Amino acid sequence: MLKNVSSRVVPILFSEIAGKNVTVFIKREDELHPFISGNKFRKLKYNLLQAQKEGQKTLLTFGGAYSNHIAATAAAGKEFGFQTIGVIRGEELAAKSLSDLYKNPTLKFAADQGMQFHFVSRTAYRLKTEPSFIQELKAEFGAFYLVPEGGTNKYAVKGCEEILNENDTSYDIICAAMGTGGTLSGIINATKSHQRVIGFPSLKGDFLSKEVQQFVTKNNWEINLDYSFGGYGKVTADLIHFINQFKRETGVPLDPVYTGKMLFGIIDLIKNDYFAEGTKILLIHTGGLQGIEGMNQLLTKKKLPIIQ
């Protein structure tokens, strides 16, 4: 199964914060695995072990058509011998031919890894945590180990506690993007008393605090709601330009749904002197790069700049 490994930390030298008396580093969790990267590597680790312990042969999970979690679960299933089923939001996808469906790079990748798809309406998808809905899925597919949407549960949080290690105790601020709250929860649990954690949600709205509070007892964290760019999967030309500039200057690629927004936010805060002089900041790169190809397809249709 997935091992507990440490990712490399690299300094960030970026023109927009040149002259600011703070130091910024990024932990390259995106490099952990070619296909099960970033926080998905961490979230799946103990879920896979639990599925194996329970004797389950099939993993079933949920996600949208461009979901990092869907892609990672499919890859993990293939690598470790599980059948995988993806319950995909959007019944209109079921009507597409295979050739049209596989124009979506995420779904094509997941299918190539052996994942079976089950497309449901957006209304039905909202019932994904209801016992009656889960029972319907079991009646159709048989026994399975359920991995929640985004992978967040107690096993995921346990895995995400391994993002930080003893070499990271010198940082004052730890920052990460947020989807379902599991990654941030694990990071919070692993922090020392002098450290503070800031989460940057990719979704619009202030509801993730309750999700995080389920898994943590510390209060050394905050959620910054100012950089969602309108909500999940929504981007602007300014964000794309920032991502491209950041990669040109630092060599670090960013995804537009999660880490790109987090980086935009932290750079903006530094530019506006949000942090005290001498602050040492660690950013967590949670992966998600597989989604760039699909996002570029959408950006091209909208006649917006693409991610380089």
Protein backbone atom coordinates (compact mmCIF):
# COMPACT_ATOMS: atom_id res chain seq x y z
CA MET A 1 0.00 0.00 0.00
CA LEU A 2 0.99 3.66 -0.03
CA LYS A 3 3.98 4.37 2.19
CA ASN A 4 4.63 7.25 4.56
CA VAL A 5 7.06 9.37 2.57
CA SER A 6 8.25 12.95 2.88
CA SER A 7 8.03 15.40 0.01
CA ARG A 8 10.69 17.97 -0.75
CA VAL A 9 10.42 21.58 0.38
CA VAL A 10 11.67 24.34 -1.93
CA PRO A 11 12.02 28.11 -1.38
CA ILE A 12 9.78 30.46 -3.35
CA LEU A 13 11.47 33.47 -4.95
CA PHE A 14 8.73 35.43 -6.69
CA SER A 15 8.94 38.96 -8.05
CA GLU A 16 5.60 40.11 -6.64
CA ILE A 17 6.84 39.70 -3.06
CA ALA A 18 10.44 40.73 -3.62
CA GLY A 19 11.51 43.05 -0.83
CA LYS A 20 8.94 41.74 1.65
CA ASN A 21 10.61 40.55 4.82
CA VAL A 22 8.94 37.15 4.94
CA THR A 23 10.26 33.81 3.70
CA VAL A 24 8.07 31.43 1.72
CA PHE A 25 8.55 27.73 1.02
CA ILE A 26 6.38 25.15 -0.72
CA LYS A 27 6.08 21.47 0.12
CA ARG A 28 5.82 19.56 -3.16
CA GLU A 29 3.21 16.97 -2.21
CA ASP A 30 2.28 16.93 -5.91
CA GLU A 31 5.46 14.91 -6.54
CA LEU A 32 4.56 11.99 -4.26
CA HIS A 33 3.18 9.76 -7.02
CA PRO A 34 2.63 10.14 -10.78
CA PHE A 35 -1.13 9.58 -10.52
CA ILE A 36 -2.05 9.42 -6.80
CA SER A 37 -0.49 12.73 -5.90
CA GLY A 38 -0.77 15.39 -3.26
CA ASN A 39 -3.47 15.15 -0.63
CA LYS A 40 -5.13 12.27 -2.50
CA PHE A 41 -2.08 10.13 -1.72
CA ARG A 42 -2.49 11.01 1.96
CA LYS A 43 -6.26 10.62 2.04
CA LEU A 44 -6.32 7.26 0.32
CA LYS A 45 -3.48 5.63 2.26
CA TYR A 46 -5.40 4.52 5.35
CA ASN A 47 -8.68 4.10 3.47
CA LEU A 48 -6.98 1.51 1.26
CA LEU A 49 -5.60 -0.26 4.32
CA GLN A 50 -9.04 -0.28 5.94
CA ALA A 51 -10.67 -1.65 2.79
CA GLN A 52 -8.07 -4.40 2.70
CA LYS A 53 -8.61 -5.12 6.41
CA GLU A 54 -12.36 -5.46 5.79
CA GLY A 55 -11.73 -7.82 2.90
CA GLN A 56 -13.38 -5.53 0.40
CA LYS A 57 -12.49 -5.95 -3.28
CA THR A 58 -14.24 -2.84 -4.64
CA LEU A 59 -13.90 0.87 -3.90
CA LEU A 60 -16.85 3.14 -4.61
CA THR A 61 -16.59 6.90 -4.46
CA PHE A 62 -18.13 10.14 -5.73
CA GLY A 63 -17.02 13.10 -7.78
CA GLY A 64 -17.53 15.47 -10.66
CA ALA A 65 -16.39 14.91 -14.22
CA TYR A 66 -13.00 16.57 -13.63
CA SER A 67 -12.43 15.33 -10.08
CA ASN A 68 -8.87 14.81 -8.85
CA HIS A 69 -10.29 12.34 -6.36
CA ILE A 70 -11.95 10.24 -9.06
CA ALA A 71 -8.70 10.05 -11.03
CA ALA A 72 -6.61 9.19 -7.96
CA THR A 73 -9.04 6.54 -6.68
CA ALA A 74 -9.08 4.87 -10.10
CA ALA A 75 -5.27 4.84 -10.20
CA ALA A 76 -5.04 3.49 -6.65
CA GLY A 77 -7.51 0.74 -7.46
CA LYS A 78 -5.50 -0.39 -10.44
CA GLU A 79 -2.19 -0.27 -8.55
CA PHE A 80 -3.41 -2.14 -5.49
CA GLY A 81 -5.87 -4.61 -6.99
CA PHE A 82 -9.28 -3.07 -6.23
CA GLN A 83 -12.19 -2.74 -8.60
CA THR A 84 -13.36 0.88 -8.65
CA ILE A 85 -16.74 2.51 -9.21
CA GLY A 86 -17.13 6.26 -9.67
CA VAL A 87 -20.54 7.80 -9.02
CA ILE A 88 -20.31 10.85 -11.27
CA ARG A 89 -22.41 13.99 -10.92
CA GLY A 90 -24.33 14.89 -14.10
CA GLU A 91 -26.87 12.61 -15.76
CA GLU A 92 -26.27 14.34 -19.11
CA LEU A 93 -22.92 12.54 -19.27
CA ALA A 94 -24.65 9.16 -19.47
CA ALA A 95 -26.17 10.09 -22.84
CA LYS A 96 -22.78 10.75 -24.43
CA SER A 97 -21.04 8.27 -26.66
CA LEU A 98 -17.80 6.77 -25.38
CA SER A 99 -15.82 8.80 -27.88
CA ASP A 100 -17.41 12.03 -26.63
CA LEU A 101 -17.15 10.99 -22.99
CA TYR A 102 -13.47 10.26 -23.36
CA LYS A 103 -12.80 13.74 -24.67
CA ASN A 104 -12.86 14.52 -20.95
CA PRO A 105 -9.25 13.69 -19.93
CA THR A 106 -10.14 12.90 -16.32
CA LEU A 107 -12.85 10.39 -17.20
CA LYS A 108 -10.72 8.85 -19.93
CA PHE A 109 -7.86 8.39 -17.49
CA ALA A 110 -10.13 6.86 -14.84
CA ALA A 111 -11.66 4.51 -17.41
CA ASP A 112 -8.22 3.48 -18.61
CA GLN A 113 -7.44 2.56 -15.00
CA GLY A 114 -10.48 0.27 -15.00
CA MET A 115 -13.02 2.46 -13.20
CA GLN A 116 -16.69 1.76 -13.88
CA PHE A 117 -18.91 4.87 -14.00
CA HIS A 118 -22.39 5.39 -12.62
CA PHE A 119 -23.85 8.74 -13.71
CA VAL A 120 -26.52 10.32 -11.53
CA SER A 121 -28.51 13.53 -11.62
CA ARG A 122 -27.41 16.50 -9.56
CA THR A 123 -30.51 16.04 -7.43
CA ALA A 124 -29.66 12.39 -6.72
CA TYR A 125 -26.01 13.29 -6.14
CA ARG A 126 -27.01 15.47 -3.17
CA LEU A 127 -28.24 12.29 -1.49
CA LYS A 128 -24.80 10.66 -1.60
CA THR A 129 -24.50 10.47 2.19
CA GLU A 130 -28.06 9.18 2.77
CA PRO A 131 -28.24 5.53 3.93
CA SER A 132 -31.09 4.79 1.51
CA PHE A 133 -29.01 6.01 -1.45
CA ILE A 134 -26.02 3.95 -0.33
CA GLN A 135 -28.28 0.88 -0.04
CA GLU A 136 -29.50 1.42 -3.60
CA LEU A 137 -25.89 1.45 -4.78
CA LYS A 138 -25.17 -1.76 -2.87
CA ALA A 139 -28.22 -3.40 -4.39
CA GLU A 140 -26.92 -2.51 -7.85
CA PHE A 141 -23.19 -3.10 -7.43
CA GLY A 142 -22.84 -5.48 -4.50
CA ALA A 143 -20.49 -5.02 -1.57
CA PHE A 144 -18.00 -2.16 -1.68
CA TYR A 145 -15.81 0.01 0.52
CA LEU A 146 -17.19 3.53 0.39
CA VAL A 147 -14.71 6.38 0.09
CA PRO A 148 -16.53 9.71 0.61
CA GLU A 149 -16.50 12.51 -1.94
CA GLY A 150 -13.10 14.17 -1.78
CA GLY A 151 -11.90 11.25 0.34
CA THR A 152 -12.47 12.97 3.68
CA ASN A 153 -13.13 10.78 6.72
CA LYS A 154 -11.16 9.85 9.83
CA TYR A 155 -8.77 7.69 7.81
CA ALA A 156 -8.10 10.54 5.40
CA VAL A 157 -7.40 12.95 8.23
CA LYS A 158 -4.99 10.43 9.76
CA GLY A 159 -3.15 10.27 6.46
CA CYS A 160 -3.01 14.04 6.13
CA GLU A 161 -1.43 14.29 9.57
CA GLU A 162 1.66 12.82 7.89
CA ILE A 163 2.07 15.81 5.54
CA LEU A 164 4.04 17.64 8.21
CA ASN A 165 7.09 16.12 9.87
CA GLU A 166 9.80 17.05 12.35
CA ASN A 167 11.59 19.13 9.70
CA ASP A 168 8.62 21.49 9.44
CA THR A 169 8.54 22.76 13.01
CA SER A 170 10.45 25.95 12.17
CA TYR A 171 7.57 27.43 10.15
CA ASP A 172 5.25 29.98 11.70
CA ILE A 173 2.39 29.73 9.19
CA ILE A 174 1.17 26.66 7.28
CA CYS A 175 -1.19 27.24 4.33
CA ALA A 176 -3.25 24.84 2.23
CA ALA A 177 -6.15 24.87 -0.19
CA MET A 178 -9.46 23.38 0.93
CA GLY A 179 -12.09 21.24 -0.75
CA THR A 180 -13.78 19.13 1.91
CA GLY A 181 -11.65 20.09 4.91
CA GLY A 182 -9.88 16.80 5.51
CA THR A 183 -6.43 17.94 4.46
CA LEU A 184 -6.52 21.06 6.60
CA SER A 185 -7.77 19.01 9.57
CA GLY A 186 -4.83 16.64 9.34
CA ILE A 187 -2.37 19.52 9.05
CA ILE A 188 -3.88 21.24 12.08
CA ASN A 189 -3.58 18.06 14.14
CA ALA A 190 0.11 17.80 13.23
CA THR A 191 1.07 21.38 14.08
CA LYS A 192 3.07 22.57 17.07
CA SER A 193 1.78 25.12 19.55
CA HIS A 194 3.63 28.05 17.96
CA GLN A 195 2.25 27.41 14.47
CA ARG A 196 -0.87 28.79 12.80
CA VAL A 197 -2.75 27.24 9.87
CA ILE A 198 -4.66 29.12 7.15
CA GLY A 199 -7.05 27.35 4.80
CA PHE A 200 -8.08 28.76 1.42
CA PRO A 201 -11.37 27.20 0.21
CA SER A 202 -11.97 26.52 -3.46
CA LEU A 203 -15.71 26.68 -2.78
CA LYS A 204 -17.80 29.74 -2.09
CA GLY A 205 -19.40 30.07 1.34
CA ASP A 206 -18.50 29.69 4.99
CA PHE A 207 -19.43 26.09 5.79
CA LEU A 208 -16.09 24.30 6.00
CA SER A 209 -15.39 25.42 9.57
CA LYS A 210 -17.94 22.89 10.83
CA GLU A 211 -16.34 20.16 8.74
CA VAL A 212 -12.91 20.89 10.19
CA GLN A 213 -14.22 21.10 13.74
CA GLN A 214 -15.32 17.46 13.51
CA PHE A 215 -11.70 16.33 13.34
CA VAL A 216 -9.64 18.83 15.37
CA THR A 217 -9.37 20.06 18.92
CA LYS A 218 -6.85 22.86 18.39
CA ASN A 219 -7.85 26.45 17.68
CA ASN A 220 -4.70 27.62 15.89
CA TRP A 221 -6.37 27.91 12.50
CA GLU A 222 -8.45 30.18 10.32
CA ILE A 223 -10.22 29.99 6.96
CA ASN A 224 -9.77 32.82 4.49
CA LEU A 225 -12.84 33.21 2.26
CA ASP A 226 -11.51 35.97 0.02
CA TYR A 227 -9.91 33.95 -2.77
CA SER A 228 -12.45 31.42 -4.05
CA PHE A 229 -12.85 33.39 -7.31
CA GLY A 230 -16.58 32.84 -7.20
CA GLY A 231 -16.66 29.17 -6.31
CA TYR A 232 -15.54 25.68 -7.20
CA GLY A 233 -14.00 25.35 -10.64
CA LYS A 234 -14.46 29.05 -11.40
CA VAL A 235 -11.44 30.95 -12.65
CA THR A 236 -10.60 34.34 -14.12
CA ALA A 237 -8.05 35.59 -16.61
CA ASP A 238 -6.18 37.21 -13.70
CA LEU A 239 -5.86 33.86 -11.94
CA ILE A 240 -4.59 32.14 -15.09
CA HIS A 241 -2.05 34.90 -15.71
CA PHE A 242 -0.88 34.55 -12.11
CA ILE A 243 -0.49 30.76 -12.41
CA ASN A 244 1.52 31.13 -15.60
CA GLN A 245 3.72 33.85 -14.16
CA PHE A 246 4.33 31.82 -11.00
CA LYS A 247 5.42 28.79 -13.01
CA ARG A 248 7.72 30.89 -15.24
CA GLU A 249 9.47 32.42 -12.25
CA THR A 250 9.57 29.49 -9.83
CA GLY A 251 9.24 26.37 -11.99
CA VAL A 252 6.32 25.22 -9.83
CA PRO A 253 3.10 24.31 -11.71
CA LEU A 254 -0.19 25.14 -10.01
CA ASP A 255 -3.69 23.84 -10.60
CA PRO A 256 -6.45 26.46 -11.04
CA VAL A 257 -9.03 24.89 -8.73
CA TYR A 258 -7.10 24.54 -5.49
CA THR A 259 -3.41 25.40 -5.09
CA GLY A 260 -3.46 28.21 -7.65
CA LYS A 261 -6.11 30.05 -5.66
CA MET A 262 -4.25 29.45 -2.40
CA LEU A 263 -1.01 30.84 -3.87
CA PHE A 264 -2.83 33.86 -5.30
CA GLY A 265 -4.27 34.51 -1.85
CA ILE A 266 -1.07 34.13 0.12
CA ILE A 267 0.90 36.31 -2.31
CA ASP A 268 -1.80 38.98 -2.09
CA LEU A 269 -1.71 38.88 1.72
CA ILE A 270 2.07 39.19 1.74
CA LYS A 271 1.93 42.14 -0.68
CA ASN A 272 -0.51 43.84 1.70
CA ASP A 273 1.69 43.24 4.78
CA TYR A 274 -0.73 40.83 6.42
CA PHE A 275 2.13 38.96 8.10
CA ALA A 276 4.68 40.31 10.56
CA GLU A 277 8.20 40.84 9.32
CA GLY A 278 10.34 37.73 9.67
CA THR A 279 7.40 35.33 9.33
CA LYS A 280 8.33 31.96 7.85
CA ILE A 281 5.54 30.46 5.73
CA LEU A 282 5.11 26.91 4.43
CA LEU A 283 2.67 26.32 1.58
CA ILE A 284 1.33 22.82 0.89
CA HIS A 285 1.05 21.87 -2.79
CA THR A 286 -1.87 19.43 -2.73
CA GLY A 287 -1.56 18.29 -6.36
CA GLY A 288 -4.49 18.46 -8.74
CA LEU A 289 -2.36 18.97 -11.83
CA GLN A 290 -4.26 16.25 -13.72
CA GLY A 291 -7.16 18.69 -14.01
CA ILE A 292 -5.24 21.27 -16.04
CA GLU A 293 -5.88 19.61 -19.40
CA GLY A 294 -9.63 19.56 -18.83
CA MET A 295 -9.63 23.13 -17.53
CA ASN A 296 -7.75 24.27 -20.62
CA GLN A 297 -10.47 22.74 -22.79
CA LEU A 298 -13.05 24.82 -20.94
CA LEU A 299 -10.91 27.97 -21.06
CA THR A 300 -10.45 27.58 -24.81
CA LYS A 301 -14.22 27.36 -25.29
CA LYS A 302 -14.63 30.55 -23.24
CA LYS A 303 -11.83 32.24 -25.21
CA LEU A 304 -9.80 32.80 -22.06
CA PRO A 305 -6.03 32.34 -21.73
CA ILE A 306 -4.93 28.78 -20.99
CA ILE A 307 -2.57 27.40 -18.37
CA GLN A 308 0.90 26.99 -19.82
